[in-house]
C-alpha atoms as a PDB file:
ATOM      1  CA  UNK A   1    -119.973 -29.951  76.978  1.00  0.00           C
ATOM      2  CA  UNK A   2    -117.327 -31.585  79.201  1.00  0.00           C
ATOM      3  CA  UNK A   3    -115.032 -32.253  76.245  1.00  0.00           C
ATOM      4  CA  UNK A   4    -115.379 -28.646  75.053  1.00  0.00           C
ATOM      5  CA  UNK A   5    -114.563 -27.290  78.506  1.00  0.00           C
ATOM      6  CA  UNK A   6    -111.565 -29.607  78.714  1.00  0.00           C
ATOM      7  CA  UNK A   7    -110.265 -28.493  75.295  1.00  0.00           C
ATOM      8  CA  UNK A   8    -110.724 -24.824  76.200  1.00  0.00           C
ATOM      9  CA  UNK A   9    -108.936 -25.258  79.532  1.00  0.00           C
ATOM     10  CA  UNK A  10    -105.972 -27.060  77.989  1.00  0.00           C
ATOM     11  CA  UNK A  11    -105.531 -24.258  75.456  1.00  0.00           C
ATOM     12  CA  UNK A  12    -106.082 -21.491  78.019  1.00  0.00           C
ATOM     13  CA  UNK A  13    -103.549 -22.924  80.475  1.00  0.00           C
ATOM     14  CA  UNK A  14    -100.637 -23.529  78.093  1.00  0.00           C
ATOM     15  CA  UNK A  15     -98.917 -20.135  78.221  1.00  0.00           C
ATOM     16  CA  UNK A  16     -99.981 -19.037  81.753  1.00  0.00           C
ATOM     17  CA  UNK A  17     -98.554 -22.321  83.055  1.00  0.00           C
ATOM     18  CA  UNK A  18     -95.048 -21.075  82.185  1.00  0.00           C
ATOM     19  CA  UNK A  19     -95.613 -17.826  84.074  1.00  0.00           C
ATOM     20  CA  UNK A  20     -96.975 -19.829  86.993  1.00  0.00           C
ATOM     21  CA  UNK A  21     -93.896 -22.071  87.001  1.00  0.00           C
ATOM     22  CA  UNK A  22     -91.578 -19.037  87.027  1.00  0.00           C
ATOM     23  CA  UNK A  23     -93.664 -17.512  89.828  1.00  0.00           C
ATOM     24  CA  UNK A  24     -93.196 -20.646  91.953  1.00  0.00           C
ATOM     25  CA  UNK A  25     -89.469 -20.855  91.231  1.00  0.00           C
ATOM     26  CA  UNK A  26     -88.764 -17.230  92.099  1.00  0.00           C
ATOM     27  CA  UNK A  27     -91.063 -17.318  95.134  1.00  0.00           C
ATOM     28  CA  UNK A  28     -89.018 -20.226  96.506  1.00  0.00           C
ATOM     29  CA  UNK A  29     -85.769 -18.471  95.540  1.00  0.00           C
ATOM     30  CA  UNK A  30     -86.902 -15.318  97.331  1.00  0.00           C
ATOM     31  CA  UNK A  31     -87.662 -17.190 100.525  1.00  0.00           C
ATOM     32  CA  UNK A  32     -84.387 -19.139 100.361  1.00  0.00           C
ATOM     33  CA  UNK A  33     -82.410 -15.900 100.078  1.00  0.00           C
ATOM     34  CA  UNK A  34     -84.142 -14.280 103.079  1.00  0.00           C
ATOM     35  CA  UNK A  35     -81.146 -15.040 105.358  1.00  0.00           C
ATOM     36  CA  UNK A  36     -78.911 -13.057 102.980  1.00  0.00           C
ATOM     37  CA  UNK A  37     -80.738  -9.765 103.496  1.00  0.00           C
ATOM     38  CA  UNK A  38     -78.220  -8.606 106.095  1.00  0.00           C
ATOM     39  CA  UNK A  39     -75.760  -7.751 103.319  1.00  0.00           C
ATOM     40  CA  UNK A  40     -76.278  -5.224 100.518  1.00  0.00           C
ATOM     41  CA  UNK A  41     -75.685  -7.825  97.795  1.00  0.00           C
ATOM     42  CA  UNK A  42     -77.965 -10.324  99.497  1.00  0.00           C
ATOM     43  CA  UNK A  43     -80.697  -7.694  99.862  1.00  0.00           C
ATOM     44  CA  UNK A  44     -80.396  -6.833  96.157  1.00  0.00           C
ATOM     45  CA  UNK A  45     -80.688 -10.498  95.114  1.00  0.00           C
ATOM     46  CA  UNK A  46     -83.629 -11.091  97.458  1.00  0.00           C
ATOM     47  CA  UNK A  47     -85.521  -7.993  96.262  1.00  0.00           C
ATOM     48  CA  UNK A  48     -84.793  -8.948  92.640  1.00  0.00           C
ATOM     49  CA  UNK A  49     -86.304 -12.389  93.174  1.00  0.00           C
ATOM     50  CA  UNK A  50     -89.222 -10.786  95.030  1.00  0.00           C
ATOM     51  CA  UNK A  51     -89.978  -8.416  92.150  1.00  0.00           C
ATOM     52  CA  UNK A  52     -89.784 -11.171  89.545  1.00  0.00           C
ATOM     53  CA  UNK A  53     -91.996 -13.475  91.612  1.00  0.00           C
ATOM     54  CA  UNK A  54     -94.701 -10.813  92.010  1.00  0.00           C
ATOM     55  CA  UNK A  55     -94.563  -9.862  88.327  1.00  0.00           C
ATOM     56  CA  UNK A  56     -94.818 -13.518  87.266  1.00  0.00           C
ATOM     57  CA  UNK A  57     -97.761 -14.126  89.603  1.00  0.00           C
ATOM     58  CA  UNK A  58     -99.607 -11.081  88.285  1.00  0.00           C
ATOM     59  CA  UNK A  59     -98.681 -11.999  84.698  1.00  0.00           C
ATOM     60  CA  UNK A  60    -100.285 -15.401  85.226  1.00  0.00           C
ATOM     61  CA  UNK A  61    -103.649 -13.723  85.799  1.00  0.00           C
ATOM     62  CA  UNK A  62    -103.225 -11.189  82.995  1.00  0.00           C
ATOM     63  CA  UNK A  63    -102.169 -13.815  80.472  1.00  0.00           C
ATOM     64  CA  UNK A  64    -105.007 -16.099  81.533  1.00  0.00           C
ATOM     65  CA  UNK A  65    -107.508 -13.346  80.800  1.00  0.00           C
ATOM     66  CA  UNK A  66    -105.914 -12.634  77.437  1.00  0.00           C
ATOM     67  CA  UNK A  67    -105.789 -16.326  76.502  1.00  0.00           C
ATOM     68  CA  UNK A  68    -109.470 -16.752  77.355  1.00  0.00           C
ATOM     69  CA  UNK A  69    -110.399 -13.750  75.190  1.00  0.00           C
ATOM     70  CA  UNK A  70    -108.258 -15.009  72.301  1.00  0.00           C
ATOM     71  CA  UNK A  71    -109.720 -18.499  72.573  1.00  0.00           C
ATOM     72  CA  UNK A  72    -113.261 -17.153  72.454  1.00  0.00           C
ATOM     73  CA  UNK A  73    -112.430 -14.935  69.473  1.00  0.00           C
ATOM     74  CA  UNK A  74    -110.677 -17.654  67.472  1.00  0.00           C
ATOM     75  CA  UNK A  75    -113.302 -20.332  67.997  1.00  0.00           C
ATOM     76  CA  UNK A  76    -116.246 -17.984  67.513  1.00  0.00           C
ATOM     77  CA  UNK A  77    -115.213 -15.656  64.696  1.00  0.00           C
ATOM     78  CA  UNK A  78    -111.832 -16.701  63.253  1.00  0.00           C
ATOM     79  CA  UNK A  79    -110.534 -19.811  61.425  1.00  0.00           C
ATOM     80  CA  UNK A  80    -111.440 -22.321  64.147  1.00  0.00           C
ATOM     81  CA  UNK A  81    -115.024 -21.031  64.248  1.00  0.00           C
ATOM     82  CA  UNK A  82    -115.974 -23.169  61.230  1.00  0.00           C
ATOM     83  CA  UNK A  83    -115.137 -26.281  63.228  1.00  0.00           C
ATOM     84  CA  UNK A  84    -116.881 -25.210  66.417  1.00  0.00           C
ATOM     85  CA  UNK A  85    -120.032 -23.915  64.720  1.00  0.00           C
ATOM     86  CA  UNK A  86    -120.493 -27.209  62.845  1.00  0.00           C
ATOM     87  CA  UNK A  87    -120.369 -29.334  65.989  1.00  0.00           C
ATOM     88  CA  UNK A  88    -123.582 -31.319  66.631  1.00  0.00           C
ATOM     89  CA  UNK A  89    -124.345 -29.060  69.585  1.00  0.00           C
ATOM     90  CA  UNK A  90    -126.559 -25.995  70.065  1.00  0.00           C
ATOM     91  CA  UNK A  91    -124.601 -22.764  69.771  1.00  0.00           C
ATOM     92  CA  UNK A  92    -125.832 -21.866  73.245  1.00  0.00           C
ATOM     93  CA  UNK A  93    -123.946 -24.898  74.592  1.00  0.00           C
ATOM     94  CA  UNK A  94    -120.770 -23.825  72.782  1.00  0.00           C
ATOM     95  CA  UNK A  95    -121.131 -20.342  74.282  1.00  0.00           C
ATOM     96  CA  UNK A  96    -121.659 -21.729  77.800  1.00  0.00           C
ATOM     97  CA  UNK A  97    -118.596 -23.953  77.439  1.00  0.00           C
ATOM     98  CA  UNK A  98    -116.505 -20.833  76.822  1.00  0.00           C
ATOM     99  CA  UNK A  99    -117.892 -19.090  79.893  1.00  0.00           C
ATOM    100  CA  UNK A 100    -117.502 -22.073  82.220  1.00  0.00           C
ATOM    101  CA  UNK A 101    -113.948 -22.901  81.130  1.00  0.00           C
ATOM    102  CA  UNK A 102    -112.870 -19.239  81.242  1.00  0.00           C
ATOM    103  CA  UNK A 103    -114.342 -18.724  84.719  1.00  0.00           C
ATOM    104  CA  UNK A 104    -112.525 -21.817  86.017  1.00  0.00           C
ATOM    105  CA  UNK A 105    -109.235 -20.754  84.428  1.00  0.00           C
ATOM    106  CA  UNK A 106    -109.372 -17.171  85.697  1.00  0.00           C
ATOM    107  CA  UNK A 107    -110.501 -18.149  89.207  1.00  0.00           C
ATOM    108  CA  UNK A 108    -107.651 -20.671  89.506  1.00  0.00           C
ATOM    109  CA  UNK A 109    -105.103 -18.116  88.273  1.00  0.00           C
ATOM    110  CA  UNK A 110    -106.299 -15.487  90.770  1.00  0.00           C
ATOM    111  CA  UNK A 111    -106.125 -17.932  93.687  1.00  0.00           C
ATOM    112  CA  UNK A 112    -102.690 -19.101  92.543  1.00  0.00           C
ATOM    113  CA  UNK A 113    -101.343 -15.534  92.291  1.00  0.00           C
ATOM    114  CA  UNK A 114    -102.741 -14.668  95.723  1.00  0.00           C
ATOM    115  CA  UNK A 115    -101.084 -17.737  97.276  1.00  0.00           C
ATOM    116  CA  UNK A 116     -97.735 -16.902  95.669  1.00  0.00           C
ATOM    117  CA  UNK A 117     -97.838 -13.351  96.988  1.00  0.00           C
ATOM    118  CA  UNK A 118     -98.888 -14.630 100.418  1.00  0.00           C
ATOM    119  CA  UNK A 119     -95.914 -17.007 100.456  1.00  0.00           C
ATOM    120  CA  UNK A 120     -93.601 -14.054  99.779  1.00  0.00           C
ATOM    121  CA  UNK A 121     -94.797 -12.294 102.928  1.00  0.00           C
ATOM    122  CA  UNK A 122     -95.406 -15.293 105.163  1.00  0.00           C
ATOM    123  CA  UNK A 123     -93.657 -15.227 108.543  1.00  0.00           C
ATOM    124  CA  UNK A 124     -94.481 -15.947 112.165  1.00  0.00           C
ATOM    125  CA  UNK A 125     -96.366 -12.674 112.618  1.00  0.00           C
ATOM    126  CA  UNK A 126     -98.375 -13.178 109.442  1.00  0.00           C
ATOM    127  CA  UNK A 127     -99.250 -16.745 110.467  1.00  0.00           C
ATOM    128  CA  UNK A 128    -100.410 -15.540 113.872  1.00  0.00           C
ATOM    129  CA  UNK A 129    -102.442 -12.813 112.176  1.00  0.00           C
ATOM    130  CA  UNK A 130    -104.095 -15.353 109.877  1.00  0.00           C
ATOM    131  CA  UNK A 131    -104.914 -17.565 112.869  1.00  0.00           C
ATOM    132  CA  UNK A 132    -106.419 -14.555 114.633  1.00  0.00           C
ATOM    133  CA  UNK A 133    -108.532 -13.713 111.585  1.00  0.00           C
ATOM    134  CA  UNK A 134    -109.926 -17.233 111.269  1.00  0.00           C
ATOM    135  CA  UNK A 135    -110.436 -17.590 115.009  1.00  0.00           C
ATOM    136  CA  UNK A 136    -113.604 -15.478 114.804  1.00  0.00           C
ATOM    137  CA  UNK A 137    -116.631 -15.737 112.544  1.00  0.00           C
ATOM    138  CA  UNK A 138    -116.365 -12.035 111.691  1.00  0.00           C
ATOM    139  CA  UNK A 139    -112.737 -12.390 110.637  1.00  0.00           C
ATOM    140  CA  UNK A 140    -113.469 -15.437 108.504  1.00  0.00           C
ATOM    141  CA  UNK A 141    -116.374 -13.611 106.863  1.00  0.00           C
ATOM    142  CA  UNK A 142    -114.185 -10.586 106.130  1.00  0.00           C
ATOM    143  CA  UNK A 143    -111.499 -12.758 104.521  1.00  0.00           C
ATOM    144  CA  UNK A 144    -114.093 -14.646 102.462  1.00  0.00           C
ATOM    145  CA  UNK A 145    -115.603 -11.368 101.252  1.00  0.00           C
ATOM    146  CA  UNK A 146    -112.221  -9.992 100.197  1.00  0.00           C
ATOM    147  CA  UNK A 147    -111.469 -13.183  98.259  1.00  0.00           C
ATOM    148  CA  UNK A 148    -114.945 -13.269  96.704  1.00  0.00           C
ATOM    149  CA  UNK A 149    -114.756  -9.609  95.670  1.00  0.00           C
ATOM    150  CA  UNK A 150    -111.355 -10.104  94.043  1.00  0.00           C
ATOM    151  CA  UNK A 151    -112.404 -13.224  92.126  1.00  0.00           C
ATOM    152  CA  UNK A 152    -115.776 -11.830  91.010  1.00  0.00           C
ATOM    153  CA  UNK A 153    -114.171  -8.606  89.802  1.00  0.00           C
ATOM    154  CA  UNK A 154    -111.687 -10.593  87.682  1.00  0.00           C
ATOM    155  CA  UNK A 155    -114.523 -12.708  86.287  1.00  0.00           C
ATOM    156  CA  UNK A 156    -116.420  -9.513  85.520  1.00  0.00           C
ATOM    157  CA  UNK A 157    -113.374  -8.210  83.630  1.00  0.00           C
ATOM    158  CA  UNK A 158    -113.298 -11.517  81.739  1.00  0.00           C
ATOM    159  CA  UNK A 159    -116.970 -11.167  80.788  1.00  0.00           C
ATOM    160  CA  UNK A 160    -116.392  -7.564  79.674  1.00  0.00           C
ATOM    161  CA  UNK A 161    -113.893  -8.862  77.134  1.00  0.00           C
ATOM    162  CA  UNK A 162    -116.176 -11.649  75.926  1.00  0.00           C
ATOM    163  CA  UNK A 163    -119.270  -9.459  75.589  1.00  0.00           C
ATOM    164  CA  UNK A 164    -117.162  -6.701  74.040  1.00  0.00           C
ATOM    165  CA  UNK A 165    -116.014  -9.216  71.416  1.00  0.00           C
ATOM    166  CA  UNK A 166    -119.596 -10.300  70.713  1.00  0.00           C
ATOM    167  CA  UNK A 167    -120.669  -6.671  70.327  1.00  0.00           C
ATOM    168  CA  UNK A 168    -117.672  -5.765  68.179  1.00  0.00           C
ATOM    169  CA  UNK A 169    -118.203  -8.681  65.818  1.00  0.00           C
ATOM    170  CA  UNK A 170    -121.858  -7.838  65.349  1.00  0.00           C
ATOM    171  CA  UNK A 171    -120.635  -5.042  63.050  1.00  0.00           C
ATOM    172  CA  UNK A 172    -119.160  -5.407  59.589  1.00  0.00           C
ATOM    173  CA  UNK A 173    -115.996  -3.322  59.912  1.00  0.00           C
ATOM    174  CA  UNK A 174    -113.200  -2.553  62.420  1.00  0.00           C
ATOM    175  CA  UNK A 175    -114.375  -5.446  64.551  1.00  0.00           C
ATOM    176  CA  UNK A 176    -111.270  -5.854  66.684  1.00  0.00           C
ATOM    177  CA  UNK A 177    -111.106  -2.145  67.517  1.00  0.00           C
ATOM    178  CA  UNK A 178    -114.810  -2.037  68.322  1.00  0.00           C
ATOM    179  CA  UNK A 179    -114.470  -5.134  70.502  1.00  0.00           C
ATOM    180  CA  UNK A 180    -111.755  -3.458  72.588  1.00  0.00           C
ATOM    181  CA  UNK A 181    -113.710  -0.197  72.826  1.00  0.00           C
ATOM    182  CA  UNK A 182    -116.920  -1.952  73.872  1.00  0.00           C
ATOM    183  CA  UNK A 183    -115.082  -4.002  76.519  1.00  0.00           C
ATOM    184  CA  UNK A 184    -113.330  -0.903  77.902  1.00  0.00           C
ATOM    185  CA  UNK A 185    -116.584   1.068  77.913  1.00  0.00           C
ATOM    186  CA  UNK A 186    -118.491  -1.665  79.786  1.00  0.00           C
ATOM    187  CA  UNK A 187    -115.759  -1.990  82.413  1.00  0.00           C
ATOM    188  CA  UNK A 188    -115.397   1.782  82.863  1.00  0.00           C
ATOM    189  CA  UNK A 189    -119.124   2.469  83.146  1.00  0.00           C
ATOM    190  CA  UNK A 190    -119.620  -0.404  85.583  1.00  0.00           C
ATOM    191  CA  UNK A 191    -116.664   0.743  87.689  1.00  0.00           C
ATOM    192  CA  UNK A 192    -117.947   4.306  87.863  1.00  0.00           C
ATOM    193  CA  UNK A 193    -121.443   3.050  88.700  1.00  0.00           C
ATOM    194  CA  UNK A 194    -120.044   1.257  91.763  1.00  0.00           C
ATOM    195  CA  UNK A 195    -119.046   4.571  93.376  1.00  0.00           C
ATOM    196  CA  UNK A 196    -122.626   5.889  93.790  1.00  0.00           C
ATOM    197  CA  UNK A 197    -123.617   2.539  95.286  1.00  0.00           C
ATOM    198  CA  UNK A 198    -120.846   2.747  97.886  1.00  0.00           C
ATOM    199  CA  UNK A 199    -121.825   6.380  98.555  1.00  0.00           C
ATOM    200  CA  UNK A 200    -125.455   5.388  99.104  1.00  0.00           C
ATOM    201  CA  UNK A 201    -124.276   2.691 101.498  1.00  0.00           C
ATOM    202  CA  UNK A 202    -122.314   5.406 103.271  1.00  0.00           C
ATOM    203  CA  UNK A 203    -125.561   7.217 104.010  1.00  0.00           C
ATOM    204  CA  UNK A 204    -126.258   4.439 106.508  1.00  0.00           C
ATOM    205  CA  UNK A 205    -122.700   4.156 107.834  1.00  0.00           C
ATOM    206  CA  UNK A 206    -120.605   7.230 108.790  1.00  0.00           C
ATOM    207  CA  UNK A 207    -117.401   5.186 108.569  1.00  0.00           C
ATOM    208  CA  UNK A 208    -118.072   4.414 104.898  1.00  0.00           C
ATOM    209  CA  UNK A 209    -119.055   8.012 104.216  1.00  0.00           C
ATOM    210  CA  UNK A 210    -115.627   8.979 105.566  1.00  0.00           C
ATOM    211  CA  UNK A 211    -114.112   7.517 102.401  1.00  0.00           C
ATOM    212  CA  UNK A 212    -115.715  10.367 100.440  1.00  0.00           C
ATOM    213  CA  UNK A 213    -115.462  13.150 103.037  1.00  0.00           C
ATOM    214  CA  UNK A 214    -111.924  12.388 104.175  1.00  0.00           C
ATOM    215  CA  UNK A 215    -112.764  12.511 107.872  1.00  0.00           C
ATOM    216  CA  UNK A 216    -112.787   9.735 110.441  1.00  0.00           C
ATOM    217  CA  UNK A 217    -111.621   6.148 110.051  1.00  0.00           C
ATOM    218  CA  UNK A 218    -113.022   3.187 108.152  1.00  0.00           C
ATOM    219  CA  UNK A 219    -113.505   0.189 110.437  1.00  0.00           C
ATOM    220  CA  UNK A 220    -113.509  -3.542 109.653  1.00  0.00           C
ATOM    221  CA  UNK A 221    -117.329  -3.879 109.826  1.00  0.00           C
ATOM    222  CA  UNK A 222    -117.553  -1.129 107.204  1.00  0.00           C
ATOM    223  CA  UNK A 223    -115.117  -2.937 104.931  1.00  0.00           C
ATOM    224  CA  UNK A 224    -117.264  -6.064 105.240  1.00  0.00           C
ATOM    225  CA  UNK A 225    -120.309  -4.079 104.130  1.00  0.00           C
ATOM    226  CA  UNK A 226    -118.425  -2.658 101.151  1.00  0.00           C
ATOM    227  CA  UNK A 227    -117.090  -6.104 100.263  1.00  0.00           C
ATOM    228  CA  UNK A 228    -120.551  -7.647 100.397  1.00  0.00           C
ATOM    229  CA  UNK A 229    -122.015  -4.831  98.305  1.00  0.00           C
ATOM    230  CA  UNK A 230    -119.317  -5.052  95.631  1.00  0.00           C
ATOM    231  CA  UNK A 231    -119.424  -8.847  95.517  1.00  0.00           C
ATOM    232  CA  UNK A 232    -123.184  -8.840  94.974  1.00  0.00           C
ATOM    233  CA  UNK A 233    -122.792  -6.030  92.444  1.00  0.00           C
ATOM    234  CA  UNK A 234    -120.224  -7.925  90.373  1.00  0.00           C
ATOM    235  CA  UNK A 235    -122.191 -11.176  90.578  1.00  0.00           C
ATOM    236  CA  UNK A 236    -125.280  -9.404  89.202  1.00  0.00           C
ATOM    237  CA  UNK A 237    -123.208  -7.754  86.476  1.00  0.00           C
ATOM    238  CA  UNK A 238    -121.593 -11.066  85.498  1.00  0.00           C
ATOM    239  CA  UNK A 239    -125.001 -12.727  85.243  1.00  0.00           C
ATOM    240  CA  UNK A 240    -126.337  -9.829  83.181  1.00  0.00           C
ATOM    241  CA  UNK A 241    -123.321  -9.809  80.841  1.00  0.00           C
ATOM    242  CA  UNK A 242    -123.500 -13.590  80.378  1.00  0.00           C
ATOM    243  CA  UNK A 243    -127.181 -13.321  79.435  1.00  0.00           C
ATOM    244  CA  UNK A 244    -126.684 -10.329  77.118  1.00  0.00           C
ATOM    245  CA  UNK A 245    -123.685 -11.964  75.469  1.00  0.00           C
ATOM    246  CA  UNK A 246    -125.631 -15.163  74.870  1.00  0.00           C
ATOM    247  CA  UNK A 247    -128.534 -13.317  73.243  1.00  0.00           C
ATOM    248  CA  UNK A 248    -126.228 -11.385  70.919  1.00  0.00           C
ATOM    249  CA  UNK A 249    -124.099 -14.452  70.199  1.00  0.00           C
ATOM    250  CA  UNK A 250    -127.143 -16.419  69.071  1.00  0.00           C
ATOM    251  CA  UNK A 251    -128.719 -13.521  67.216  1.00  0.00           C
ATOM    252  CA  UNK A 252    -125.982 -12.557  64.760  1.00  0.00           C
ATOM    253  CA  UNK A 253    -122.827 -14.377  63.734  1.00  0.00           C
ATOM    254  CA  UNK A 254    -120.212 -12.609  61.558  1.00  0.00           C
ATOM    255  CA  UNK A 255    -117.426 -15.087  60.900  1.00  0.00           C
ATOM    256  CA  UNK A 256    -114.251 -13.796  59.217  1.00  0.00           C
END
């Protein structure tokens, strides 16, 4: 299991590592050119570096997701599947190794991208704001919920792709197209289903209901409630998708 996870991670990280390196380089370049923003040319160079740094950070996450999906597809249904399915391990263990390695890879990429973007905006005011947030239990909880919601949503998107692939390859034709359609359908339906949940939560909190009615203001305690709801929602969905994917993966195997 450990060796499989290690092999998956090495493969998953190869291409995103280049995007991550570019993100770091241009983040540093952006901060180094901050003193030049007083001139038009300096502002142009600084904003150019800023845009590239953000795009590279976001691309790290996107490419990590894609690499994880490709890895699962190749080792489950393509040429490499013959090697992986003949390993002296239960297929359930092989499936879990994909999930564990992919979750680690995506979570690391999300945290990395968030840190890069934070470094682009960091200044004395931001530092003081961060200190103020972590100076109270409520602020720390709010920050933790935002981070947890972001990471769990990305992991949910990852699982949509994996389960979509399993569903698509349970058919005999147009497997790739069906995989994409199933993944998109799962993500869309789950996203739309989150809205009624937030609306129901708004029945107990006028500030949350204001999101739908357009009146009033949404306060920090309300955001914490929404964050907690969505985090729990995505955790449940991830667990459900992992279980469904495992059942289908073990039930029928159509290798190209």
